[in-house]
Amino acid sequence: MKKTQKKHIQVKNKKVLTFVALLCVVCTLISATGCRYVTEVVNRQEVVEHKIVITQADKSGLPDYVADLVKLDEVFRAYSYDGYDEELFGEMLLKYYIAATGDMFAEYMNAEEYEAYNTESTGEFVGIGVSIIDTLLEINGYNYKTLQVISVFENSPALEGGVKVGDHIVYAGGGEDSELVDALGYDQALNKMRGEEGTVAEFTVYRPDKSEISGFKIIEFAIERKKVITESVRYRISASDSKVGIVNITGFDQTTATQFKKAVNALIKSGCEYFVFDVRNNPGGNLLSIEAVLSYFLQRNDLIIGIEYGDGTSAADYVSPVNYGPQYEGFNVAYNEIGMYRDLKSVVLTNANTASAAELFTATLRDYELAKVVGEKTYGKGCMQTIVPLKEYGLEGALRVTTAMYFSASRKIYHEIGIEPDYAVALPEEAYEYNFFVLPEELDTQLQKAIEIVKGEQ
């Protein structure tokens, strides 16, 4: 069993947006970023600890810009009529300082943001348990902006309450508080849907129904918000071939490995012989999560990831059974799980928004000749961020900072370059009329090519 320490490493692309919003807590995500606050293993941690040691420097030797800031502050105070909110000023100063460092993935999180980020790391959130997209629905000849349900989570209040995939949320709120999503706009509509555990989310959906004269069944819902588990993996059998299973991975968090195993095993049980692992629009995620998933394909002692730090030191992680305990059960890998999917006939589907941990997934399967890559060149993020809690340094919140570059088994560098697919395929123009998550299979030329390749029909 690997021992763990108290710092946190993540593989994440904060600039790539996902299209999925987790209703009632969407803004804490996806982006997408959660599930990065788990402990790291010692062989990587020792290097990180060395890099973030803080020394008490002589304040007289502070950079000139600090003295300039003090002077500018004095001038502002002398001339300003209203003055300013010092607490807000201090927080924003820290944020803009980090933003101005040139580290495009660095970020200062205040205490509230850090707490939300940590909560997200468990794969849990408070809501009704659906994924939604912003889309248009024609009602009586007019197009209205709605929130369309694209998945309903297992064991969720939404599933229990009868919400279905394909439902369009047209009104947010209930009774006199009910407002058109089209009038509210996407963000405000989501705000009305959010709430604390135990409160009720009220909304009205239009469900397509050909038996109704209007073409829709109008249903009002009042569903209690509860803690639910995020859905980072969705799966289905191809509409064109019942032997092909499609596994869509939207991110790598503490739920991913468990959900991935469930998806693949269910498809195998259904008779699927070929697999498409779709990581299009996947922005990345947690290092331990991607290591767990890759362990299912690799052999014991295979290199998963190599890491190089700015001071010239390096580290590497290899496939082995790991047990981080029940708190991080989603990252545990049993001995008999290593290599269990190695013989699957599979292909990886990518696009320009495939980033970070999703790129590591792609590169590793190709490096070990376990899958071909189909689609578009990936985003190109091969650097790693460390989450540094700031409490021990007398500050609130946490700092995310780039601490290392990483590489897969081939040692090919794809940072700021991207991964070129083995088979480059673009989507047709008409495909862009649809949201990616409801793109019909007959228009998804990338998926069609992936199926062709994995079946050996090229």
Protein backbone atom coordinates (compact mmCIF):
# COMPACT_ATOMS: atom_id res chain seq x y z
CA MET A 1 0.00 0.00 0.00
CA LYS A 2 1.31 3.41 -0.89
CA LYS A 3 1.49 5.88 1.95
CA THR A 4 0.07 9.34 1.53
CA GLN A 5 1.01 12.83 2.63
CA LYS A 6 -0.81 16.13 2.76
CA LYS A 7 -0.28 18.00 -0.50
CA HIS A 8 -2.33 17.69 -3.61
CA ILE A 9 -1.38 17.28 -7.23
CA GLN A 10 -3.79 17.59 -10.12
CA VAL A 11 -3.73 17.15 -13.86
CA LYS A 12 -6.24 19.68 -15.09
CA ASN A 13 -7.00 22.17 -17.84
CA LYS A 14 -8.90 25.08 -16.37
CA LYS A 15 -9.26 26.84 -19.71
CA VAL A 16 -11.28 24.17 -21.49
CA LEU A 17 -15.01 24.34 -20.81
CA THR A 18 -17.23 21.27 -20.66
CA PHE A 19 -20.73 21.40 -22.03
CA VAL A 20 -22.27 19.46 -19.18
CA ALA A 21 -23.72 21.40 -16.24
CA LEU A 22 -24.58 19.48 -13.11
CA LEU A 23 -27.95 20.97 -12.25
CA CYS A 24 -28.26 22.80 -8.94
CA VAL A 25 -24.52 22.90 -8.43
CA VAL A 26 -23.33 23.31 -11.97
CA CYS A 27 -21.15 26.31 -11.24
CA THR A 28 -18.97 24.29 -8.85
CA LEU A 29 -17.90 21.97 -11.58
CA ILE A 30 -16.94 21.12 -14.61
CA SER A 31 -15.19 21.84 -14.85
CA ALA A 32 -14.88 21.24 -14.43
CA THR A 33 -12.69 21.11 -12.15
CA GLY A 34 -13.29 19.18 -9.01
CA CYS A 35 -11.87 16.10 -7.44
CA ARG A 36 -8.30 17.29 -7.19
CA TYR A 37 -7.93 17.45 -3.42
CA VAL A 38 -6.73 13.99 -2.64
CA THR A 39 -3.39 13.16 -1.14
CA GLU A 40 -0.45 12.24 -3.33
CA VAL A 41 1.95 9.35 -2.97
CA VAL A 42 5.28 9.85 -1.26
CA ASN A 43 7.65 9.39 -4.20
CA ARG A 44 6.10 12.40 -5.96
CA GLN A 45 5.32 14.27 -2.76
CA GLU A 46 8.86 14.52 -1.48
CA VAL A 47 9.83 16.54 -4.53
CA VAL A 48 6.83 18.82 -4.22
CA GLU A 49 7.49 19.45 -0.54
CA HIS A 50 11.00 20.55 -1.47
CA LYS A 51 9.71 22.99 -4.04
CA ILE A 52 7.21 24.89 -1.87
CA VAL A 53 9.24 25.56 1.27
CA ILE A 54 8.58 29.16 2.31
CA THR A 55 11.42 31.14 3.87
CA GLN A 56 10.95 34.29 5.94
CA ALA A 57 12.67 36.79 3.69
CA ASP A 58 13.97 40.14 4.93
CA LYS A 59 11.13 42.55 4.16
CA SER A 60 13.63 45.28 3.36
CA GLY A 61 14.58 43.24 0.32
CA LEU A 62 11.07 43.10 -1.14
CA PRO A 63 10.71 43.86 -4.87
CA ASP A 64 10.22 47.45 -5.99
CA TYR A 65 6.67 46.75 -7.15
CA VAL A 66 5.62 46.12 -3.53
CA ALA A 67 6.87 49.56 -2.50
CA ASP A 68 5.18 51.02 -5.60
CA LEU A 69 1.90 49.41 -4.58
CA VAL A 70 2.15 50.94 -1.10
CA LYS A 71 2.76 54.38 -2.63
CA LEU A 72 -0.11 53.98 -5.09
CA ASP A 73 -2.40 52.94 -2.26
CA GLU A 74 -1.47 56.05 -0.28
CA VAL A 75 -2.18 58.28 -3.27
CA PHE A 76 -5.54 56.60 -3.91
CA ARG A 77 -6.58 56.99 -0.27
CA ALA A 78 -5.60 60.64 -0.31
CA TYR A 79 -7.67 61.49 -3.39
CA SER A 80 -10.55 58.98 -3.28
CA TYR A 81 -13.98 60.19 -2.23
CA ASP A 82 -15.40 56.80 -1.28
CA GLY A 83 -12.31 54.79 -0.41
CA TYR A 84 -12.64 51.03 -0.92
CA ASP A 85 -13.53 47.71 0.64
CA GLU A 86 -10.20 46.59 2.08
CA GLU A 87 -11.21 42.93 2.46
CA LEU A 88 -12.32 42.71 -1.16
CA PHE A 89 -9.24 44.64 -2.25
CA GLY A 90 -6.96 42.19 -0.46
CA GLU A 91 -8.65 39.16 -2.01
CA MET A 92 -8.64 40.57 -5.54
CA LEU A 93 -5.04 41.67 -5.16
CA LEU A 94 -4.03 38.07 -4.45
CA LYS A 95 -6.07 36.82 -7.41
CA TYR A 96 -4.63 39.32 -9.87
CA TYR A 97 -1.12 38.80 -8.55
CA ILE A 98 -1.32 35.09 -9.37
CA ALA A 99 -3.01 35.82 -12.70
CA ALA A 100 -0.16 38.15 -13.63
CA THR A 101 2.60 35.61 -12.95
CA GLY A 102 2.43 34.14 -16.44
CA ASP A 103 1.40 30.71 -15.15
CA MET A 104 -1.79 30.33 -17.18
CA PHE A 105 -3.03 27.49 -14.97
CA ALA A 106 -2.28 29.14 -11.63
CA GLU A 107 -5.07 30.45 -9.44
CA TYR A 108 -5.67 31.86 -5.97
CA MET A 109 -8.83 30.46 -4.34
CA ASN A 110 -10.38 32.22 -1.37
CA ALA A 111 -11.63 30.18 1.58
CA GLU A 112 -15.12 29.73 0.17
CA GLU A 113 -13.86 28.69 -3.25
CA TYR A 114 -11.39 26.26 -1.72
CA GLU A 115 -14.10 24.68 0.43
CA ALA A 116 -16.34 24.26 -2.63
CA TYR A 117 -13.42 22.79 -4.55
CA ASN A 118 -12.75 20.30 -1.77
CA THR A 119 -16.41 19.30 -1.61
CA GLU A 120 -16.36 18.70 -5.33
CA SER A 121 -13.37 16.38 -4.95
CA THR A 122 -15.55 13.65 -3.47
CA GLY A 123 -17.76 13.51 -6.54
CA GLU A 124 -20.73 14.58 -4.41
CA PHE A 125 -22.93 17.64 -4.73
CA VAL A 126 -26.30 18.87 -3.56
CA GLY A 127 -28.99 19.01 -6.21
CA ILE A 128 -31.58 16.88 -7.95
CA GLY A 129 -29.08 14.83 -9.97
CA VAL A 130 -29.21 15.61 -13.67
CA SER A 131 -26.87 16.89 -16.37
CA ILE A 132 -28.27 19.62 -18.59
CA ILE A 133 -27.35 21.64 -21.64
CA ASP A 134 -28.44 25.03 -22.92
CA THR A 135 -30.55 24.45 -26.02
CA LEU A 136 -33.48 25.72 -28.11
CA LEU A 137 -36.97 24.25 -28.31
CA GLU A 138 -39.62 25.22 -30.85
CA ILE A 139 -42.97 25.86 -29.13
CA ASN A 140 -45.91 27.10 -31.20
CA GLY A 141 -43.60 28.27 -33.97
CA TYR A 142 -41.17 30.14 -31.71
CA ASN A 143 -37.74 29.05 -30.51
CA TYR A 144 -37.28 29.24 -26.74
CA LYS A 145 -34.06 28.78 -24.79
CA THR A 146 -34.43 25.85 -22.40
CA LEU A 147 -32.37 23.61 -20.16
CA GLN A 148 -32.46 20.14 -21.72
CA VAL A 149 -31.85 17.09 -19.55
CA ILE A 150 -29.20 14.84 -21.13
CA SER A 151 -28.75 12.39 -18.26
CA VAL A 152 -30.44 11.51 -14.97
CA PHE A 153 -28.11 10.16 -12.29
CA GLU A 154 -28.66 6.86 -10.57
CA ASN A 155 -30.24 6.94 -7.10
CA SER A 156 -31.01 10.64 -7.53
CA PRO A 157 -34.05 12.69 -6.49
CA ALA A 158 -34.65 13.45 -10.17
CA LEU A 159 -34.82 9.75 -11.08
CA GLU A 160 -37.15 9.05 -8.18
CA GLY A 161 -39.28 12.06 -9.11
CA GLY A 162 -39.75 10.97 -12.72
CA VAL A 163 -37.50 13.38 -14.63
CA LYS A 164 -36.42 11.83 -17.95
CA VAL A 165 -33.64 12.31 -20.47
CA GLY A 166 -34.94 14.62 -23.20
CA ASP A 167 -37.08 16.76 -20.88
CA HIS A 168 -36.82 20.49 -21.54
CA ILE A 169 -36.95 22.74 -18.49
CA VAL A 170 -38.94 25.70 -19.79
CA TYR A 171 -39.86 27.36 -16.49
CA ALA A 172 -37.63 27.65 -13.41
CA GLY A 173 -39.35 28.15 -10.09
CA GLY A 174 -42.93 27.39 -9.13
CA GLY A 175 -46.16 29.28 -8.66
CA GLU A 176 -45.79 33.04 -8.74
CA ASP A 177 -42.02 32.57 -8.72
CA SER A 178 -42.08 30.64 -12.01
CA GLU A 179 -40.11 32.34 -14.79
CA LEU A 180 -39.27 31.45 -18.38
CA VAL A 181 -35.75 30.10 -18.80
CA ASP A 182 -35.65 32.03 -22.07
CA ALA A 183 -36.25 35.30 -20.21
CA LEU A 184 -33.89 34.51 -17.35
CA GLY A 185 -30.95 33.37 -19.44
CA TYR A 186 -28.80 30.33 -18.74
CA ASP A 187 -26.94 31.49 -15.62
CA GLN A 188 -29.95 33.04 -13.89
CA ALA A 189 -32.06 29.98 -14.65
CA LEU A 190 -29.44 27.80 -13.01
CA ASN A 191 -29.37 30.11 -9.99
CA LYS A 192 -33.09 29.56 -9.52
CA MET A 193 -32.58 25.80 -9.71
CA ARG A 194 -29.82 25.72 -7.10
CA GLY A 195 -30.40 25.45 -3.40
CA GLU A 196 -29.36 23.86 -0.12
CA GLU A 197 -29.91 20.28 0.90
CA GLY A 198 -33.49 19.68 2.04
CA THR A 199 -34.99 22.55 0.03
CA VAL A 200 -37.24 22.00 -2.98
CA ALA A 201 -36.45 22.68 -6.63
CA GLU A 202 -39.57 23.65 -8.57
CA PHE A 203 -39.62 23.72 -12.36
CA THR A 204 -41.78 22.91 -15.37
CA VAL A 205 -40.69 20.68 -18.24
CA TYR A 206 -41.98 20.17 -21.75
CA ARG A 207 -41.61 16.50 -22.63
CA PRO A 208 -41.88 15.63 -26.35
CA ASP A 209 -45.03 13.53 -26.80
CA LYS A 210 -46.59 12.90 -30.23
CA SER A 211 -49.89 11.89 -28.62
CA GLU A 212 -50.41 15.46 -27.41
CA ILE A 213 -51.87 18.06 -29.80
CA SER A 214 -49.14 20.53 -28.86
CA GLY A 215 -46.48 17.86 -29.30
CA PHE A 216 -45.51 18.10 -25.63
CA LYS A 217 -46.60 16.87 -22.26
CA ILE A 218 -46.26 19.69 -19.73
CA ILE A 219 -45.18 18.48 -16.29
CA GLU A 220 -44.58 20.46 -13.10
CA PHE A 221 -41.98 19.12 -10.69
CA ALA A 222 -41.21 19.85 -7.03
CA ILE A 223 -38.16 17.79 -6.06
CA GLU A 224 -36.22 17.90 -2.82
CA ARG A 225 -32.52 18.62 -3.23
CA LYS A 226 -30.22 15.98 -1.76
CA LYS A 227 -26.61 14.86 -1.94
CA VAL A 228 -25.98 12.95 -5.14
CA ILE A 229 -22.96 11.45 -6.88
CA THR A 230 -21.70 13.11 -10.04
CA GLU A 231 -21.74 11.20 -13.30
CA SER A 232 -18.36 11.39 -15.01
CA VAL A 233 -18.92 8.35 -17.24
CA ARG A 234 -21.88 7.62 -19.51
CA TYR A 235 -22.24 4.65 -21.80
CA ARG A 236 -24.49 3.21 -24.48
CA ILE A 237 -24.60 0.67 -27.27
CA SER A 238 -24.06 2.14 -30.74
CA ALA A 239 -27.28 2.82 -32.63
CA SER A 240 -25.66 1.46 -35.79
CA ASP A 241 -24.03 -1.69 -34.39
CA SER A 242 -25.08 -3.60 -31.28
CA LYS A 243 -21.56 -5.05 -30.97
CA VAL A 244 -20.04 -1.61 -30.33
CA GLY A 245 -20.08 -0.05 -26.89
CA ILE A 246 -19.52 3.70 -26.51
CA VAL A 247 -18.07 4.98 -23.23
CA ASN A 248 -18.07 8.76 -22.85
CA ILE A 249 -15.71 10.06 -20.12
CA THR A 250 -16.47 13.70 -19.29
CA GLY A 251 -13.74 14.13 -16.67
CA PHE A 252 -11.48 12.26 -14.26
CA ASP A 253 -12.57 12.53 -10.64
CA GLN A 254 -13.14 10.27 -7.66
CA THR A 255 -16.21 8.73 -9.31
CA THR A 256 -14.61 7.94 -12.67
CA ALA A 257 -12.80 4.66 -12.12
CA THR A 258 -15.77 3.02 -10.43
CA GLN A 259 -18.21 4.27 -13.05
CA PHE A 260 -15.82 3.30 -15.84
CA LYS A 261 -15.67 -0.31 -14.62
CA LYS A 262 -19.44 -0.44 -14.34
CA ALA A 263 -19.86 0.93 -17.86
CA VAL A 264 -17.41 -1.45 -19.54
CA ASN A 265 -18.67 -4.50 -17.65
CA ALA A 266 -22.29 -3.67 -18.50
CA LEU A 267 -21.45 -3.33 -22.18
CA ILE A 268 -19.52 -6.60 -22.18
CA LYS A 269 -22.50 -8.30 -20.53
CA SER A 270 -24.72 -6.84 -23.26
CA GLY A 271 -22.60 -8.54 -25.91
CA CYS A 272 -20.35 -5.68 -26.99
CA GLU A 273 -17.07 -6.78 -28.55
CA TYR A 274 -15.71 -3.38 -29.64
CA PHE A 275 -15.28 -0.22 -27.59
CA VAL A 276 -15.06 3.48 -28.36
CA PHE A 277 -13.68 5.54 -25.48
CA ASP A 278 -14.90 9.05 -26.17
CA VAL A 279 -12.86 11.75 -24.41
CA ARG A 280 -13.94 14.61 -26.64
CA ASN A 281 -14.50 17.78 -24.57
CA ASN A 282 -12.91 16.10 -21.54
CA PRO A 283 -10.85 18.80 -19.73
CA GLY A 284 -8.85 16.44 -17.54
CA GLY A 285 -8.97 15.87 -13.81
CA ASN A 286 -7.24 14.11 -10.97
CA LEU A 287 -3.97 12.24 -11.31
CA LEU A 288 -4.99 9.32 -9.08
CA SER A 289 -8.18 8.91 -11.09
CA ILE A 290 -6.43 8.61 -14.45
CA GLU A 291 -3.84 6.28 -12.91
CA ALA A 292 -6.60 3.96 -11.68
CA VAL A 293 -8.34 3.86 -15.05
CA LEU A 294 -5.09 3.23 -16.95
CA SER A 295 -4.18 0.44 -14.55
CA TYR A 296 -7.13 -1.53 -15.94
CA PHE A 297 -5.40 -1.57 -19.34
CA LEU A 298 -1.72 -1.88 -18.45
CA GLN A 299 0.43 -4.58 -16.88
CA ARG A 300 2.02 -4.46 -13.47
CA ASN A 301 5.14 -2.23 -13.38
CA ASP A 302 4.24 -0.50 -16.67
CA LEU A 303 5.00 3.23 -16.57
CA ILE A 304 1.84 5.30 -16.18
CA ILE A 305 3.34 8.76 -15.93
CA GLY A 306 6.75 10.38 -15.73
CA ILE A 307 7.14 13.74 -14.00
CA GLU A 308 9.86 16.38 -14.37
CA TYR A 309 10.13 19.31 -11.95
CA GLY A 310 11.58 22.73 -12.60
CA ASP A 311 14.63 22.09 -10.41
CA GLY A 312 15.67 19.13 -12.57
CA THR A 313 14.41 16.40 -10.27
CA SER A 314 12.03 13.77 -11.58
CA ALA A 315 9.66 11.03 -10.49
CA ALA A 316 7.60 8.29 -12.07
CA ASP A 317 4.57 6.21 -11.24
CA TYR A 318 4.14 2.59 -12.27
CA VAL A 319 1.19 0.23 -12.30
CA SER A 320 0.71 -1.56 -9.00
CA PRO A 321 -2.12 -2.42 -6.60
CA VAL A 322 -2.91 0.61 -4.44
CA ASN A 323 -5.19 1.19 -1.48
CA TYR A 324 -5.78 4.74 -0.30
CA GLY A 325 -8.39 3.62 2.20
CA PRO A 326 -12.20 3.92 2.21
CA GLN A 327 -12.15 7.72 2.05
CA TYR A 328 -10.59 7.56 -1.43
CA GLU A 329 -12.06 4.25 -2.50
CA GLY A 330 -12.57 5.51 -6.04
CA PHE A 331 -8.79 5.58 -6.56
CA ASN A 332 -8.04 2.10 -5.20
CA VAL A 333 -6.79 -0.56 -7.61
CA ALA A 334 -6.98 -4.24 -6.66
CA TYR A 335 -4.43 -6.76 -7.86
CA ASN A 336 -6.96 -8.60 -10.03
CA GLU A 337 -8.08 -5.34 -11.68
CA ILE A 338 -4.68 -4.64 -13.22
CA GLY A 339 -4.84 -5.28 -16.96
CA MET A 340 -8.41 -6.58 -16.91
CA TYR A 341 -9.34 -4.58 -20.04
CA ARG A 342 -6.03 -5.02 -21.83
CA ASP A 343 -7.44 -7.27 -24.55
CA LEU A 344 -10.43 -5.11 -25.42
CA LYS A 345 -10.64 -4.02 -29.04
CA SER A 346 -10.83 -0.29 -28.56
CA VAL A 347 -10.28 3.15 -30.07
CA VAL A 348 -10.00 6.59 -28.46
CA LEU A 349 -12.03 9.48 -29.81
CA THR A 350 -10.57 13.00 -29.34
CA ASN A 351 -11.08 16.63 -30.33
CA ALA A 352 -9.49 20.02 -29.66
CA ASN A 353 -11.04 20.13 -26.17
CA THR A 354 -9.49 16.83 -25.09
CA ALA A 355 -6.97 18.03 -22.52
CA SER A 356 -4.63 17.18 -19.69
CA ALA A 357 -5.51 13.86 -17.99
CA ALA A 358 -7.66 12.98 -21.01
CA GLU A 359 -4.57 13.47 -23.18
CA LEU A 360 -2.57 11.22 -20.86
CA PHE A 361 -5.29 8.58 -21.25
CA THR A 362 -5.09 8.94 -25.04
CA ALA A 363 -1.30 8.94 -25.27
CA THR A 364 -0.84 5.99 -22.93
CA LEU A 365 -3.25 3.68 -24.73
CA ARG A 366 -1.55 4.55 -28.00
CA ASP A 367 1.98 4.21 -26.55
CA TYR A 368 1.21 0.66 -25.43
CA GLU A 369 -0.46 -0.07 -28.79
CA LEU A 370 -3.78 -0.75 -27.12
CA ALA A 371 -5.86 1.69 -29.16
CA LYS A 372 -5.81 3.90 -32.23
CA VAL A 373 -6.79 7.56 -31.95
CA VAL A 374 -9.55 9.04 -34.12
CA GLY A 375 -10.86 12.60 -34.41
CA GLU A 376 -9.01 15.89 -34.03
CA LYS A 377 -5.71 17.04 -32.53
CA THR A 378 -5.99 17.46 -28.77
CA TYR A 379 -5.62 20.65 -26.72
CA GLY A 380 -1.98 20.20 -25.65
CA LYS A 381 -1.61 20.39 -21.87
CA GLY A 382 1.22 18.36 -20.40
CA CYS A 383 1.86 20.27 -17.18
CA MET A 384 0.82 19.46 -13.64
CA GLN A 385 -0.58 21.69 -10.93
CA THR A 386 -0.18 21.39 -7.17
CA ILE A 387 -2.83 22.59 -4.73
CA VAL A 388 -1.15 24.34 -1.80
CA PRO A 389 -3.40 25.04 1.23
CA LEU A 390 -2.34 28.44 2.58
CA LYS A 391 -3.48 28.17 6.19
CA GLU A 392 -0.03 27.18 7.43
CA TYR A 393 1.33 30.35 5.83
CA GLY A 394 -1.17 32.60 7.58
CA LEU A 395 -3.48 33.05 4.57
CA GLU A 396 -6.97 31.82 3.78
CA GLY A 397 -7.77 29.56 0.85
CA ALA A 398 -5.32 27.81 -1.42
CA LEU A 399 -2.97 28.31 -4.32
CA ARG A 400 -2.99 26.26 -7.50
CA VAL A 401 0.38 26.48 -9.22
CA THR A 402 2.14 24.63 -12.02
CA THR A 403 4.92 22.53 -10.50
CA ALA A 404 5.92 19.99 -13.13
CA MET A 405 5.73 18.71 -16.68
CA TYR A 406 4.58 15.17 -17.30
CA PHE A 407 4.89 12.62 -20.06
CA SER A 408 3.61 9.17 -21.03
CA ALA A 409 5.62 6.04 -21.78
CA SER A 410 6.83 7.22 -25.21
CA ARG A 411 8.19 10.44 -23.66
CA LYS A 412 6.77 12.40 -26.58
CA ILE A 413 6.08 16.01 -25.59
CA TYR A 414 2.57 17.21 -26.40
CA HIS A 415 2.40 20.25 -24.11
CA GLU A 416 1.36 23.26 -26.22
CA ILE A 417 1.46 20.91 -29.22
CA GLY A 418 -1.38 18.42 -28.79
CA ILE A 419 -1.72 14.80 -29.87
CA GLU A 420 -2.28 14.18 -33.54
CA PRO A 421 -4.85 11.43 -34.17
CA ASP A 422 -4.00 8.36 -36.20
CA TYR A 423 -7.08 9.12 -38.27
CA ALA A 424 -7.98 12.81 -38.58
CA VAL A 425 -11.72 13.35 -39.01
CA ALA A 426 -13.68 16.60 -38.82
CA LEU A 427 -17.38 16.93 -38.09
CA PRO A 428 -19.62 18.14 -40.93
CA GLU A 429 -20.99 21.69 -40.77
CA GLU A 430 -24.51 20.49 -40.03
CA ALA A 431 -23.23 18.76 -36.88
CA TYR A 432 -22.53 22.16 -35.32
CA GLU A 433 -26.23 22.92 -35.32
CA TYR A 434 -26.49 20.48 -32.41
CA ASN A 435 -25.09 20.55 -28.93
CA PHE A 436 -22.33 17.96 -28.78
CA PHE A 437 -24.12 15.86 -26.18
CA VAL A 438 -27.22 15.39 -28.33
CA LEU A 439 -25.44 15.04 -31.67
CA PRO A 440 -27.21 12.34 -33.72
CA GLU A 441 -24.96 9.39 -34.47
CA GLU A 442 -25.68 9.67 -38.21
CA LEU A 443 -24.05 13.14 -38.21
CA ASP A 444 -21.13 12.16 -35.97
CA THR A 445 -18.55 11.36 -38.64
CA GLN A 446 -15.83 11.05 -36.00
CA LEU A 447 -17.75 8.35 -34.15
CA GLN A 448 -18.58 6.60 -37.42
CA LYS A 449 -14.88 6.48 -38.32
CA ALA A 450 -14.00 5.25 -34.84
CA ILE A 451 -16.46 2.37 -35.20
CA GLU A 452 -15.05 1.56 -38.63
CA ILE A 453 -11.48 1.50 -37.29
CA VAL A 454 -12.18 -0.52 -34.14
CA LYS A 455 -13.98 -3.17 -36.20
CA GLY A 456 -11.12 -3.36 -38.67
CA GLU A 457 -13.29 -2.30 -41.59
CA GLN A 458 -10.99 0.46 -42.85
